[in-house]
């Protein structure tokens, strides 16, 4: 494990922002009294990634605006629908996770009614705990599937060289298919 940074999180955020805006690593290092390499190691990779994403967004916008107006309207409507679907799925996942949590808590509370010395006397409590646990597990399926889908996609982005040859539209379509199927 490395040595803790001399800079606060707020200072790092300011450095990253200013570097993206064009400030040089050398000037930032001098101002914050740290080595150039300290800033370069932390900021350069992230800045490169942010710039790449920004360039992809610009390319996508250029492609969108190159479409005839009727096609552009259709594309924007589709984008809005896909965003709405994603938000609804995320909302469903959130509420399902909250429901699973609540049901698990109720089931946990029912375990106090179980007589460990004589479990036969606790048949009703055991059935209640079992039923609540099953319902909690079912309620957790949506959020778990959404997390799993996002993890699988991120893993594929990090390790799959095939994605580097995909167009922006293909990557967006892949993301949306994952969101819709989750």
C-alpha atoms as a PDB file:
ATOM      1  CA  UNK A   1       0.000   0.000   0.000  1.00  0.00           C
ATOM      2  CA  UNK A   2       1.304   3.411  -0.947  1.00  0.00           C
ATOM      3  CA  UNK A   3       1.888   6.396   1.202  1.00  0.00           C
ATOM      4  CA  UNK A   4      -1.145   8.633   1.878  1.00  0.00           C
ATOM      5  CA  UNK A   5      -1.423  11.684  -0.360  1.00  0.00           C
ATOM      6  CA  UNK A   6      -0.358  15.077   0.934  1.00  0.00           C
ATOM      7  CA  UNK A   7      -3.309  16.535  -0.940  1.00  0.00           C
ATOM      8  CA  UNK A   8      -6.955  16.439   0.106  1.00  0.00           C
ATOM      9  CA  UNK A   9      -9.725  15.006  -2.072  1.00  0.00           C
ATOM     10  CA  UNK A  10     -10.894  18.556  -2.732  1.00  0.00           C
ATOM     11  CA  UNK A  11      -7.411  19.568  -3.917  1.00  0.00           C
ATOM     12  CA  UNK A  12      -7.260  16.519  -6.205  1.00  0.00           C
ATOM     13  CA  UNK A  13     -10.661  17.385  -7.664  1.00  0.00           C
ATOM     14  CA  UNK A  14      -9.449  20.930  -8.343  1.00  0.00           C
ATOM     15  CA  UNK A  15      -6.250  19.625  -9.950  1.00  0.00           C
ATOM     16  CA  UNK A  16      -8.196  17.221 -12.184  1.00  0.00           C
ATOM     17  CA  UNK A  17     -10.626  19.961 -13.234  1.00  0.00           C
ATOM     18  CA  UNK A  18      -7.880  22.458 -13.986  1.00  0.00           C
ATOM     19  CA  UNK A  19      -5.818  19.861 -15.866  1.00  0.00           C
ATOM     20  CA  UNK A  20      -8.839  19.104 -18.056  1.00  0.00           C
ATOM     21  CA  UNK A  21      -9.188  22.822 -18.669  1.00  0.00           C
ATOM     22  CA  UNK A  22      -5.609  22.919 -19.932  1.00  0.00           C
ATOM     23  CA  UNK A  23      -3.368  23.634 -16.935  1.00  0.00           C
ATOM     24  CA  UNK A  24      -0.023  21.890 -17.265  1.00  0.00           C
ATOM     25  CA  UNK A  25       1.082  19.146 -14.907  1.00  0.00           C
ATOM     26  CA  UNK A  26       4.241  21.130 -14.134  1.00  0.00           C
ATOM     27  CA  UNK A  27       2.367  24.297 -13.110  1.00  0.00           C
ATOM     28  CA  UNK A  28      -0.061  22.337 -10.949  1.00  0.00           C
ATOM     29  CA  UNK A  29       2.772  20.405  -9.291  1.00  0.00           C
ATOM     30  CA  UNK A  30       4.583  23.643  -8.524  1.00  0.00           C
ATOM     31  CA  UNK A  31       1.450  25.275  -7.108  1.00  0.00           C
ATOM     32  CA  UNK A  32       0.587  22.302  -4.874  1.00  0.00           C
ATOM     33  CA  UNK A  33       4.241  21.617  -3.967  1.00  0.00           C
ATOM     34  CA  UNK A  34       4.312  18.010  -5.161  1.00  0.00           C
ATOM     35  CA  UNK A  35       6.348  16.182  -7.788  1.00  0.00           C
ATOM     36  CA  UNK A  36       5.221  16.291 -11.428  1.00  0.00           C
ATOM     37  CA  UNK A  37       5.019  12.496 -11.399  1.00  0.00           C
ATOM     38  CA  UNK A  38       2.590  12.568  -8.464  1.00  0.00           C
ATOM     39  CA  UNK A  39       0.088  14.559 -10.486  1.00  0.00           C
ATOM     40  CA  UNK A  40       0.829  12.846 -13.789  1.00  0.00           C
ATOM     41  CA  UNK A  41       0.304   9.370 -12.286  1.00  0.00           C
ATOM     42  CA  UNK A  42      -3.034  10.268 -10.796  1.00  0.00           C
ATOM     43  CA  UNK A  43      -4.497  12.678 -13.323  1.00  0.00           C
ATOM     44  CA  UNK A  44      -3.264  11.817 -16.795  1.00  0.00           C
ATOM     45  CA  UNK A  45      -5.019   8.449 -17.215  1.00  0.00           C
ATOM     46  CA  UNK A  46      -8.315   9.807 -15.927  1.00  0.00           C
ATOM     47  CA  UNK A  47      -8.034  12.932 -18.066  1.00  0.00           C
ATOM     48  CA  UNK A  48      -7.355  10.821 -21.136  1.00  0.00           C
ATOM     49  CA  UNK A  49     -10.426   8.706 -20.431  1.00  0.00           C
ATOM     50  CA  UNK A  50     -12.634  11.767 -19.862  1.00  0.00           C
ATOM     51  CA  UNK A  51     -11.388  13.361 -23.079  1.00  0.00           C
ATOM     52  CA  UNK A  52     -12.048  10.131 -25.016  1.00  0.00           C
ATOM     53  CA  UNK A  53     -15.611   9.957 -23.691  1.00  0.00           C
ATOM     54  CA  UNK A  54     -16.163  13.634 -24.493  1.00  0.00           C
ATOM     55  CA  UNK A  55     -14.903  13.052 -28.040  1.00  0.00           C
ATOM     56  CA  UNK A  56     -17.236  10.062 -28.430  1.00  0.00           C
ATOM     57  CA  UNK A  57     -20.184  12.209 -27.329  1.00  0.00           C
ATOM     58  CA  UNK A  58     -19.207  14.905 -29.831  1.00  0.00           C
ATOM     59  CA  UNK A  59     -18.943  12.321 -32.625  1.00  0.00           C
ATOM     60  CA  UNK A  60     -22.343  10.904 -31.696  1.00  0.00           C
ATOM     61  CA  UNK A  61     -23.849  14.407 -31.714  1.00  0.00           C
ATOM     62  CA  UNK A  62     -22.257  15.135 -35.101  1.00  0.00           C
ATOM     63  CA  UNK A  63     -23.735  11.915 -36.464  1.00  0.00           C
ATOM     64  CA  UNK A  64     -27.122  12.797 -34.990  1.00  0.00           C
ATOM     65  CA  UNK A  65     -27.107  16.275 -36.550  1.00  0.00           C
ATOM     66  CA  UNK A  66     -26.027  14.870 -39.906  1.00  0.00           C
ATOM     67  CA  UNK A  67     -29.343  12.997 -40.129  1.00  0.00           C
ATOM     68  CA  UNK A  68     -32.317  14.506 -41.947  1.00  0.00           C
ATOM     69  CA  UNK A  69     -34.626  16.338 -39.546  1.00  0.00           C
ATOM     70  CA  UNK A  70     -37.307  13.618 -39.510  1.00  0.00           C
ATOM     71  CA  UNK A  71     -34.701  10.935 -38.740  1.00  0.00           C
ATOM     72  CA  UNK A  72     -33.143  13.184 -36.094  1.00  0.00           C
ATOM     73  CA  UNK A  73     -36.535  13.604 -34.406  1.00  0.00           C
ATOM     74  CA  UNK A  74     -37.022   9.827 -34.471  1.00  0.00           C
ATOM     75  CA  UNK A  75     -33.548   9.254 -33.023  1.00  0.00           C
ATOM     76  CA  UNK A  76     -34.084  11.797 -30.229  1.00  0.00           C
ATOM     77  CA  UNK A  77     -37.475  10.235 -29.413  1.00  0.00           C
ATOM     78  CA  UNK A  78     -35.844   6.802 -29.238  1.00  0.00           C
ATOM     79  CA  UNK A  79     -33.070   8.161 -27.007  1.00  0.00           C
ATOM     80  CA  UNK A  80     -35.682   9.678 -24.678  1.00  0.00           C
ATOM     81  CA  UNK A  81     -37.613   6.393 -24.547  1.00  0.00           C
ATOM     82  CA  UNK A  82     -34.458   4.404 -23.803  1.00  0.00           C
ATOM     83  CA  UNK A  83     -33.517   6.841 -21.025  1.00  0.00           C
ATOM     84  CA  UNK A  84     -37.029   6.564 -19.559  1.00  0.00           C
ATOM     85  CA  UNK A  85     -36.827   2.766 -19.670  1.00  0.00           C
ATOM     86  CA  UNK A  86     -33.445   2.871 -17.953  1.00  0.00           C
ATOM     87  CA  UNK A  87     -34.761   5.197 -15.256  1.00  0.00           C
ATOM     88  CA  UNK A  88     -37.810   2.993 -14.680  1.00  0.00           C
ATOM     89  CA  UNK A  89     -35.662  -0.119 -14.435  1.00  0.00           C
ATOM     90  CA  UNK A  90     -33.335   1.634 -12.006  1.00  0.00           C
ATOM     91  CA  UNK A  91     -36.360   2.761  -9.964  1.00  0.00           C
ATOM     92  CA  UNK A  92     -37.790  -0.751  -9.949  1.00  0.00           C
ATOM     93  CA  UNK A  93     -34.421  -2.090  -8.842  1.00  0.00           C
ATOM     94  CA  UNK A  94     -34.249   0.475  -6.029  1.00  0.00           C
ATOM     95  CA  UNK A  95     -37.762  -0.299  -4.754  1.00  0.00           C
ATOM     96  CA  UNK A  96     -37.173  -4.039  -5.074  1.00  0.00           C
ATOM     97  CA  UNK A  97     -33.968  -3.743  -3.067  1.00  0.00           C
ATOM     98  CA  UNK A  98     -35.793  -1.736  -0.398  1.00  0.00           C
ATOM     99  CA  UNK A  99     -38.570  -4.357  -0.296  1.00  0.00           C
ATOM    100  CA  UNK A 100     -36.044  -7.186  -0.021  1.00  0.00           C
ATOM    101  CA  UNK A 101     -34.325  -5.347   2.823  1.00  0.00           C
ATOM    102  CA  UNK A 102     -37.574  -4.764   4.687  1.00  0.00           C
ATOM    103  CA  UNK A 103     -38.771  -8.361   4.273  1.00  0.00           C
ATOM    104  CA  UNK A 104     -35.392  -9.650   5.449  1.00  0.00           C
ATOM    105  CA  UNK A 105     -35.643  -7.427   8.512  1.00  0.00           C
ATOM    106  CA  UNK A 106     -39.125  -8.724   9.330  1.00  0.00           C
ATOM    107  CA  UNK A 107     -37.925 -12.309   8.852  1.00  0.00           C
ATOM    108  CA  UNK A 108     -34.995 -11.617  11.142  1.00  0.00           C
ATOM    109  CA  UNK A 109     -37.348 -10.265  13.801  1.00  0.00           C
ATOM    110  CA  UNK A 110     -39.464 -13.433  13.562  1.00  0.00           C
ATOM    111  CA  UNK A 111     -36.415 -15.556  14.411  1.00  0.00           C
ATOM    112  CA  UNK A 112     -36.808 -14.387  18.022  1.00  0.00           C
ATOM    113  CA  UNK A 113     -40.014 -16.468  18.151  1.00  0.00           C
ATOM    114  CA  UNK A 114     -38.140 -19.694  17.350  1.00  0.00           C
ATOM    115  CA  UNK A 115     -37.599 -22.007  20.306  1.00  0.00           C
ATOM    116  CA  UNK A 116     -34.239 -23.604  19.606  1.00  0.00           C
ATOM    117  CA  UNK A 117     -34.697 -26.181  22.347  1.00  0.00           C
ATOM    118  CA  UNK A 118     -37.988 -27.372  20.877  1.00  0.00           C
ATOM    119  CA  UNK A 119     -38.288 -26.354  17.189  1.00  0.00           C
ATOM    120  CA  UNK A 120     -41.626 -28.191  16.799  1.00  0.00           C
ATOM    121  CA  UNK A 121     -43.258 -25.528  18.977  1.00  0.00           C
ATOM    122  CA  UNK A 122     -41.985 -22.892  16.537  1.00  0.00           C
ATOM    123  CA  UNK A 123     -43.473 -24.322  13.340  1.00  0.00           C
ATOM    124  CA  UNK A 124     -45.509 -21.175  12.558  1.00  0.00           C
ATOM    125  CA  UNK A 125     -42.545 -18.868  13.162  1.00  0.00           C
ATOM    126  CA  UNK A 126     -40.298 -21.086  11.001  1.00  0.00           C
ATOM    127  CA  UNK A 127     -42.856 -21.026   8.170  1.00  0.00           C
ATOM    128  CA  UNK A 128     -43.108 -17.244   8.455  1.00  0.00           C
ATOM    129  CA  UNK A 129     -39.304 -16.812   8.369  1.00  0.00           C
ATOM    130  CA  UNK A 130     -39.071 -19.172   5.385  1.00  0.00           C
ATOM    131  CA  UNK A 131     -41.831 -17.390   3.452  1.00  0.00           C
ATOM    132  CA  UNK A 132     -40.473 -13.922   4.165  1.00  0.00           C
ATOM    133  CA  UNK A 133     -36.964 -14.994   3.186  1.00  0.00           C
ATOM    134  CA  UNK A 134     -38.209 -16.446  -0.108  1.00  0.00           C
ATOM    135  CA  UNK A 135     -40.123 -13.238  -0.884  1.00  0.00           C
ATOM    136  CA  UNK A 136     -37.065 -11.134   0.015  1.00  0.00           C
ATOM    137  CA  UNK A 137     -34.909 -13.233  -2.306  1.00  0.00           C
ATOM    138  CA  UNK A 138     -37.412 -12.851  -5.153  1.00  0.00           C
ATOM    139  CA  UNK A 139     -37.588  -9.082  -4.580  1.00  0.00           C
ATOM    140  CA  UNK A 140     -33.799  -8.870  -4.800  1.00  0.00           C
ATOM    141  CA  UNK A 141     -33.669 -10.449  -8.288  1.00  0.00           C
ATOM    142  CA  UNK A 142     -34.214  -7.206 -10.256  1.00  0.00           C
ATOM    143  CA  UNK A 143     -31.487  -5.199  -8.498  1.00  0.00           C
ATOM    144  CA  UNK A 144     -29.073  -8.134  -8.563  1.00  0.00           C
ATOM    145  CA  UNK A 145     -29.654  -8.725 -12.271  1.00  0.00           C
ATOM    146  CA  UNK A 146     -29.117  -5.044 -12.997  1.00  0.00           C
ATOM    147  CA  UNK A 147     -25.876  -5.013 -11.016  1.00  0.00           C
ATOM    148  CA  UNK A 148     -24.739  -8.225 -12.700  1.00  0.00           C
ATOM    149  CA  UNK A 149     -25.495  -6.855 -16.176  1.00  0.00           C
ATOM    150  CA  UNK A 150     -23.559  -3.662 -15.492  1.00  0.00           C
ATOM    151  CA  UNK A 151     -20.634  -5.610 -14.029  1.00  0.00           C
ATOM    152  CA  UNK A 152     -20.537  -7.940 -17.044  1.00  0.00           C
ATOM    153  CA  UNK A 153     -20.553  -4.980 -19.415  1.00  0.00           C
ATOM    154  CA  UNK A 154     -17.810  -3.150 -17.505  1.00  0.00           C
ATOM    155  CA  UNK A 155     -15.734  -6.342 -17.399  1.00  0.00           C
ATOM    156  CA  UNK A 156     -16.158  -6.757 -21.143  1.00  0.00           C
ATOM    157  CA  UNK A 157     -15.192  -3.103 -21.722  1.00  0.00           C
ATOM    158  CA  UNK A 158     -12.043  -3.551 -19.655  1.00  0.00           C
ATOM    159  CA  UNK A 159     -10.890  -6.810 -21.185  1.00  0.00           C
ATOM    160  CA  UNK A 160     -12.398  -7.194 -24.627  1.00  0.00           C
ATOM    161  CA  UNK A 161     -10.340  -5.775 -27.469  1.00  0.00           C
ATOM    162  CA  UNK A 162     -13.303  -6.428 -29.789  1.00  0.00           C
ATOM    163  CA  UNK A 163     -15.075  -3.438 -28.229  1.00  0.00           C
ATOM    164  CA  UNK A 164     -12.355  -1.084 -29.364  1.00  0.00           C
ATOM    165  CA  UNK A 165     -13.406  -1.789 -32.956  1.00  0.00           C
ATOM    166  CA  UNK A 166     -17.110  -1.172 -32.240  1.00  0.00           C
ATOM    167  CA  UNK A 167     -18.694   2.063 -33.384  1.00  0.00           C
ATOM    168  CA  UNK A 168     -20.254   4.435 -30.871  1.00  0.00           C
ATOM    169  CA  UNK A 169     -23.724   3.384 -32.032  1.00  0.00           C
ATOM    170  CA  UNK A 170     -22.890  -0.309 -31.508  1.00  0.00           C
ATOM    171  CA  UNK A 171     -21.587   0.368 -27.997  1.00  0.00           C
ATOM    172  CA  UNK A 172     -24.684   2.449 -27.150  1.00  0.00           C
ATOM    173  CA  UNK A 173     -26.933  -0.286 -28.550  1.00  0.00           C
ATOM    174  CA  UNK A 174     -25.097  -2.861 -26.420  1.00  0.00           C
ATOM    175  CA  UNK A 175     -25.527  -0.713 -23.300  1.00  0.00           C
ATOM    176  CA  UNK A 176     -29.196  -0.177 -23.963  1.00  0.00           C
ATOM    177  CA  UNK A 177     -29.795  -3.893 -24.642  1.00  0.00           C
ATOM    178  CA  UNK A 178     -28.193  -4.690 -21.301  1.00  0.00           C
ATOM    179  CA  UNK A 179     -30.342  -2.102 -19.524  1.00  0.00           C
ATOM    180  CA  UNK A 180     -33.527  -3.310 -21.209  1.00  0.00           C
ATOM    181  CA  UNK A 181     -32.842  -6.997 -20.562  1.00  0.00           C
ATOM    182  CA  UNK A 182     -31.890  -6.449 -16.907  1.00  0.00           C
END
